[in-house]
Amino acid sequence: SPQILFSPLPSGWLLYAWDAVHNRYLGKAEISLSAGIGYWLKLPVSSPLSLSGIELEEEGQLALSEGWNLIGSPFSQDLPLERVKILRQGETLSFLEAAIHSPPWVMGSLYGWQGGQYEDAATKGILQPGQGYWQKTLLPGCVLLFQPAEAPQ
């Protein structure tokens, strides 16, 4: 639960998530933490922060809702975008292939907040650990697949 994971933080922290199914924000009391979901964490004071969780050791998946989704990498290292796949109706495409498919399954941009503005992670080709990204799904029935950079030992 968020209360256990974030208990070392100073009091007054806030956590939000996006509920893509109901198109609304969730507060910390409504949130169950899941790999691959993006979250906003607001602290009452500015200070260095280091959090760690359970990292996926094998492929993970996340059902996407049609419309905007807030996602995040479930790995502690940069995740090359070519290791992010989209599954739909038994067909698996790379994220970029899904964006140019006819009709497109997803929008080809992933918007992350960096330095006071949104940047498109698709232009850099990586998802950074600890970073949330807005991702728009254009068709129903899409599943996001995360593949680890290295095969588990």
C-alpha atoms as a PDB file:
ATOM      1  CA  SER A   1       0.000   0.000   0.000  1.00  0.00           C
ATOM      2  CA  PRO A   2       1.159   3.589  -0.541  1.00  0.00           C
ATOM      3  CA  GLN A   3       1.005   4.289   3.212  1.00  0.00           C
ATOM      4  CA  ILE A   4       3.566   1.518   3.899  1.00  0.00           C
ATOM      5  CA  LEU A   5       5.873   2.267   0.943  1.00  0.00           C
ATOM      6  CA  PHE A   6       5.952   6.005   1.569  1.00  0.00           C
ATOM      7  CA  SER A   7       5.939   5.897   5.401  1.00  0.00           C
ATOM      8  CA  PRO A   8       9.569   7.172   5.613  1.00  0.00           C
ATOM      9  CA  LEU A   9       8.532  10.403   3.868  1.00  0.00           C
ATOM     10  CA  PRO A  10       7.813  13.607   5.783  1.00  0.00           C
ATOM     11  CA  SER A  11       4.145  13.950   6.762  1.00  0.00           C
ATOM     12  CA  GLY A  12       1.963  15.811   4.305  1.00  0.00           C
ATOM     13  CA  TRP A  13       2.916  13.866   1.166  1.00  0.00           C
ATOM     14  CA  LEU A  14       0.260  13.413  -1.511  1.00  0.00           C
ATOM     15  CA  LEU A  15      -0.076  10.651  -4.086  1.00  0.00           C
ATOM     16  CA  TYR A  16      -2.304  10.666  -7.158  1.00  0.00           C
ATOM     17  CA  ALA A  17      -3.021   8.226  -9.972  1.00  0.00           C
ATOM     18  CA  TRP A  18      -5.090   8.417 -13.143  1.00  0.00           C
ATOM     19  CA  ASP A  19      -8.095   6.102 -13.478  1.00  0.00           C
ATOM     20  CA  ALA A  20      -8.306   5.739 -17.273  1.00  0.00           C
ATOM     21  CA  VAL A  21     -11.475   3.648 -17.115  1.00  0.00           C
ATOM     22  CA  HIS A  22     -13.463   6.361 -15.307  1.00  0.00           C
ATOM     23  CA  ASN A  23     -11.402   9.372 -16.528  1.00  0.00           C
ATOM     24  CA  ARG A  24     -10.657  10.715 -13.067  1.00  0.00           C
ATOM     25  CA  TYR A  25      -7.817  11.179 -10.606  1.00  0.00           C
ATOM     26  CA  LEU A  26      -7.465   8.919  -7.569  1.00  0.00           C
ATOM     27  CA  GLY A  27      -6.105  10.020  -4.192  1.00  0.00           C
ATOM     28  CA  LYS A  28      -3.758   7.928  -2.051  1.00  0.00           C
ATOM     29  CA  ALA A  29      -6.563   6.242  -0.083  1.00  0.00           C
ATOM     30  CA  GLU A  30      -7.962   4.820  -3.370  1.00  0.00           C
ATOM     31  CA  ILE A  31      -4.648   3.641  -4.850  1.00  0.00           C
ATOM     32  CA  SER A  32      -3.235   0.126  -5.016  1.00  0.00           C
ATOM     33  CA  LEU A  33       0.327   0.288  -6.352  1.00  0.00           C
ATOM     34  CA  SER A  34       0.931  -1.756  -9.521  1.00  0.00           C
ATOM     35  CA  ALA A  35       3.950  -2.263 -11.785  1.00  0.00           C
ATOM     36  CA  GLY A  36       3.717  -0.258 -14.992  1.00  0.00           C
ATOM     37  CA  ILE A  37       1.347   2.403 -13.655  1.00  0.00           C
ATOM     38  CA  GLY A  38       2.524   6.019 -13.373  1.00  0.00           C
ATOM     39  CA  TYR A  39       1.863   8.070 -10.218  1.00  0.00           C
ATOM     40  CA  TRP A  40       2.319  11.640  -9.012  1.00  0.00           C
ATOM     41  CA  LEU A  41       4.024  12.062  -5.669  1.00  0.00           C
ATOM     42  CA  LYS A  42       4.015  15.536  -4.101  1.00  0.00           C
ATOM     43  CA  LEU A  43       6.220  16.203  -1.084  1.00  0.00           C
ATOM     44  CA  PRO A  44       5.678  19.044   1.410  1.00  0.00           C
ATOM     45  CA  VAL A  45       9.371  20.020   1.260  1.00  0.00           C
ATOM     46  CA  SER A  46      12.046  19.924  -1.404  1.00  0.00           C
ATOM     47  CA  SER A  47      14.597  17.249  -0.589  1.00  0.00           C
ATOM     48  CA  PRO A  48      16.451  14.378  -2.251  1.00  0.00           C
ATOM     49  CA  LEU A  49      14.330  11.253  -2.491  1.00  0.00           C
ATOM     50  CA  SER A  50      15.232   7.625  -3.038  1.00  0.00           C
ATOM     51  CA  LEU A  51      12.550   4.950  -3.187  1.00  0.00           C
ATOM     52  CA  SER A  52      12.819   1.368  -4.308  1.00  0.00           C
ATOM     53  CA  GLY A  53      10.219  -1.266  -4.927  1.00  0.00           C
ATOM     54  CA  ILE A  54       9.931  -4.727  -6.351  1.00  0.00           C
ATOM     55  CA  GLU A  55      11.259  -4.763  -9.883  1.00  0.00           C
ATOM     56  CA  LEU A  56       9.839  -7.075 -12.504  1.00  0.00           C
ATOM     57  CA  GLU A  57      12.280  -9.800 -13.503  1.00  0.00           C
ATOM     58  CA  GLU A  58      10.318 -11.005 -16.493  1.00  0.00           C
ATOM     59  CA  GLU A  59       7.894  -9.589 -19.006  1.00  0.00           C
ATOM     60  CA  GLY A  60       5.082  -7.621 -17.420  1.00  0.00           C
ATOM     61  CA  GLN A  61       1.845  -6.472 -18.922  1.00  0.00           C
ATOM     62  CA  LEU A  62      -0.660  -3.705 -18.369  1.00  0.00           C
ATOM     63  CA  ALA A  63      -4.155  -3.528 -19.887  1.00  0.00           C
ATOM     64  CA  LEU A  64      -4.642  -0.124 -21.488  1.00  0.00           C
ATOM     65  CA  SER A  65      -7.904   1.775 -21.579  1.00  0.00           C
ATOM     66  CA  GLU A  66      -8.954   3.542 -24.735  1.00  0.00           C
ATOM     67  CA  GLY A  67      -7.928   7.175 -24.215  1.00  0.00           C
ATOM     68  CA  TRP A  68      -5.207   8.546 -21.910  1.00  0.00           C
ATOM     69  CA  ASN A  69      -3.255   6.220 -19.600  1.00  0.00           C
ATOM     70  CA  LEU A  70      -0.518   7.142 -17.119  1.00  0.00           C
ATOM     71  CA  ILE A  71       2.226   4.529 -17.324  1.00  0.00           C
ATOM     72  CA  GLY A  72       5.712   4.049 -15.892  1.00  0.00           C
ATOM     73  CA  SER A  73       8.560   1.618 -16.427  1.00  0.00           C
ATOM     74  CA  PRO A  74       8.564  -1.286 -13.949  1.00  0.00           C
ATOM     75  CA  PHE A  75      12.373  -1.496 -14.092  1.00  0.00           C
ATOM     76  CA  SER A  76      15.139   0.332 -12.189  1.00  0.00           C
ATOM     77  CA  GLN A  77      17.158   1.056 -15.360  1.00  0.00           C
ATOM     78  CA  ASP A  78      16.325   2.932 -18.543  1.00  0.00           C
ATOM     79  CA  LEU A  79      13.918   0.897 -20.665  1.00  0.00           C
ATOM     80  CA  PRO A  80      14.592   1.182 -24.409  1.00  0.00           C
ATOM     81  CA  LEU A  81      11.336   1.887 -26.223  1.00  0.00           C
ATOM     82  CA  GLU A  82      11.950  -1.065 -28.548  1.00  0.00           C
ATOM     83  CA  ARG A  83      11.378  -3.308 -25.488  1.00  0.00           C
ATOM     84  CA  VAL A  84       7.860  -1.905 -25.100  1.00  0.00           C
ATOM     85  CA  LYS A  85       5.316  -3.846 -27.156  1.00  0.00           C
ATOM     86  CA  ILE A  86       1.573  -3.601 -27.720  1.00  0.00           C
ATOM     87  CA  LEU A  87      -0.614  -6.706 -27.890  1.00  0.00           C
ATOM     88  CA  ARG A  88      -4.033  -6.496 -29.543  1.00  0.00           C
ATOM     89  CA  GLN A  89      -6.291  -9.314 -30.750  1.00  0.00           C
ATOM     90  CA  GLY A  90      -3.434 -11.833 -30.735  1.00  0.00           C
ATOM     91  CA  GLU A  91      -0.989  -9.613 -32.670  1.00  0.00           C
ATOM     92  CA  THR A  92       2.091  -8.086 -31.018  1.00  0.00           C
ATOM     93  CA  LEU A  93       3.759  -4.967 -32.425  1.00  0.00           C
ATOM     94  CA  SER A  94       6.491  -2.689 -31.170  1.00  0.00           C
ATOM     95  CA  PHE A  95       5.213   0.558 -29.663  1.00  0.00           C
ATOM     96  CA  LEU A  96       6.256   2.492 -32.775  1.00  0.00           C
ATOM     97  CA  GLU A  97       4.743  -0.095 -35.148  1.00  0.00           C
ATOM     98  CA  ALA A  98       1.463   0.137 -33.225  1.00  0.00           C
ATOM     99  CA  ALA A  99       1.556   3.921 -33.689  1.00  0.00           C
ATOM    100  CA  ILE A 100       1.878   3.685 -37.490  1.00  0.00           C
ATOM    101  CA  HIS A 101      -0.407   0.667 -37.938  1.00  0.00           C
ATOM    102  CA  SER A 102      -3.481   1.279 -40.102  1.00  0.00           C
ATOM    103  CA  PRO A 103      -5.557   2.154 -38.175  1.00  0.00           C
ATOM    104  CA  PRO A 104      -3.140   3.210 -35.410  1.00  0.00           C
ATOM    105  CA  TRP A 105      -3.521   1.437 -32.083  1.00  0.00           C
ATOM    106  CA  VAL A 106      -1.718   4.106 -30.022  1.00  0.00           C
ATOM    107  CA  MET A 107      -0.480   7.646 -30.410  1.00  0.00           C
ATOM    108  CA  GLY A 108       3.270   7.597 -31.080  1.00  0.00           C
ATOM    109  CA  SER A 109       4.194   9.963 -28.239  1.00  0.00           C
ATOM    110  CA  LEU A 110       4.801   9.350 -24.523  1.00  0.00           C
ATOM    111  CA  TYR A 111       4.660  12.581 -22.547  1.00  0.00           C
ATOM    112  CA  GLY A 112       6.766  12.820 -19.395  1.00  0.00           C
ATOM    113  CA  TRP A 113       7.208  15.880 -17.140  1.00  0.00           C
ATOM    114  CA  GLN A 114      10.834  17.091 -17.235  1.00  0.00           C
ATOM    115  CA  GLY A 115      12.255  20.408 -16.097  1.00  0.00           C
ATOM    116  CA  GLY A 116       8.914  22.193 -15.826  1.00  0.00           C
ATOM    117  CA  GLN A 117       7.485  21.017 -19.152  1.00  0.00           C
ATOM    118  CA  TYR A 118       6.314  17.928 -20.987  1.00  0.00           C
ATOM    119  CA  GLU A 119       8.812  16.108 -23.208  1.00  0.00           C
ATOM    120  CA  ASP A 120       8.140  13.263 -25.625  1.00  0.00           C
ATOM    121  CA  ALA A 121      10.024  10.155 -24.464  1.00  0.00           C
ATOM    122  CA  ALA A 122       9.469   8.581 -27.892  1.00  0.00           C
ATOM    123  CA  THR A 123      11.965  11.050 -29.398  1.00  0.00           C
ATOM    124  CA  LYS A 124      14.617   9.886 -26.880  1.00  0.00           C
ATOM    125  CA  GLY A 125      13.677   6.227 -27.329  1.00  0.00           C
ATOM    126  CA  ILE A 126      13.735   5.365 -23.597  1.00  0.00           C
ATOM    127  CA  LEU A 127      11.488   5.267 -20.566  1.00  0.00           C
ATOM    128  CA  GLN A 128      13.318   6.363 -17.432  1.00  0.00           C
ATOM    129  CA  PRO A 129      12.838   4.648 -14.058  1.00  0.00           C
ATOM    130  CA  GLY A 130      10.736   6.647 -11.628  1.00  0.00           C
ATOM    131  CA  GLN A 131       9.171   8.690 -14.436  1.00  0.00           C
ATOM    132  CA  GLY A 132       5.465   8.660 -15.369  1.00  0.00           C
ATOM    133  CA  TYR A 133       4.310   9.058 -18.969  1.00  0.00           C
ATOM    134  CA  TRP A 134       0.996   9.998 -20.522  1.00  0.00           C
ATOM    135  CA  GLN A 135       0.178   7.475 -23.250  1.00  0.00           C
ATOM    136  CA  LYS A 136      -2.914   7.626 -25.489  1.00  0.00           C
ATOM    137  CA  THR A 137      -4.527   4.412 -26.726  1.00  0.00           C
ATOM    138  CA  LEU A 138      -6.680   4.856 -29.822  1.00  0.00           C
ATOM    139  CA  LEU A 139      -8.390   1.440 -30.030  1.00  0.00           C
ATOM    140  CA  PRO A 140      -9.885  -0.837 -27.364  1.00  0.00           C
ATOM    141  CA  GLY A 141      -8.290  -4.143 -26.340  1.00  0.00           C
ATOM    142  CA  CYS A 142      -4.627  -3.043 -26.225  1.00  0.00           C
ATOM    143  CA  VAL A 143      -2.196  -4.483 -23.685  1.00  0.00           C
ATOM    144  CA  LEU A 144       1.193  -2.908 -22.981  1.00  0.00           C
ATOM    145  CA  LEU A 145       4.034  -5.440 -22.659  1.00  0.00           C
ATOM    146  CA  PHE A 146       7.271  -4.520 -20.852  1.00  0.00           C
ATOM    147  CA  GLN A 147      10.307  -6.685 -21.616  1.00  0.00           C
ATOM    148  CA  PRO A 148      13.314  -6.503 -19.287  1.00  0.00           C
ATOM    149  CA  ALA A 149      16.609  -5.388 -20.810  1.00  0.00           C
ATOM    150  CA  GLU A 150      18.286  -8.630 -19.776  1.00  0.00           C
ATOM    151  CA  ALA A 151      16.867 -12.100 -19.408  1.00  0.00           C
ATOM    152  CA  PRO A 152      16.502 -13.092 -15.740  1.00  0.00           C
ATOM    153  CA  GLN A 153      19.269 -15.310 -14.362  1.00  0.00           C
END
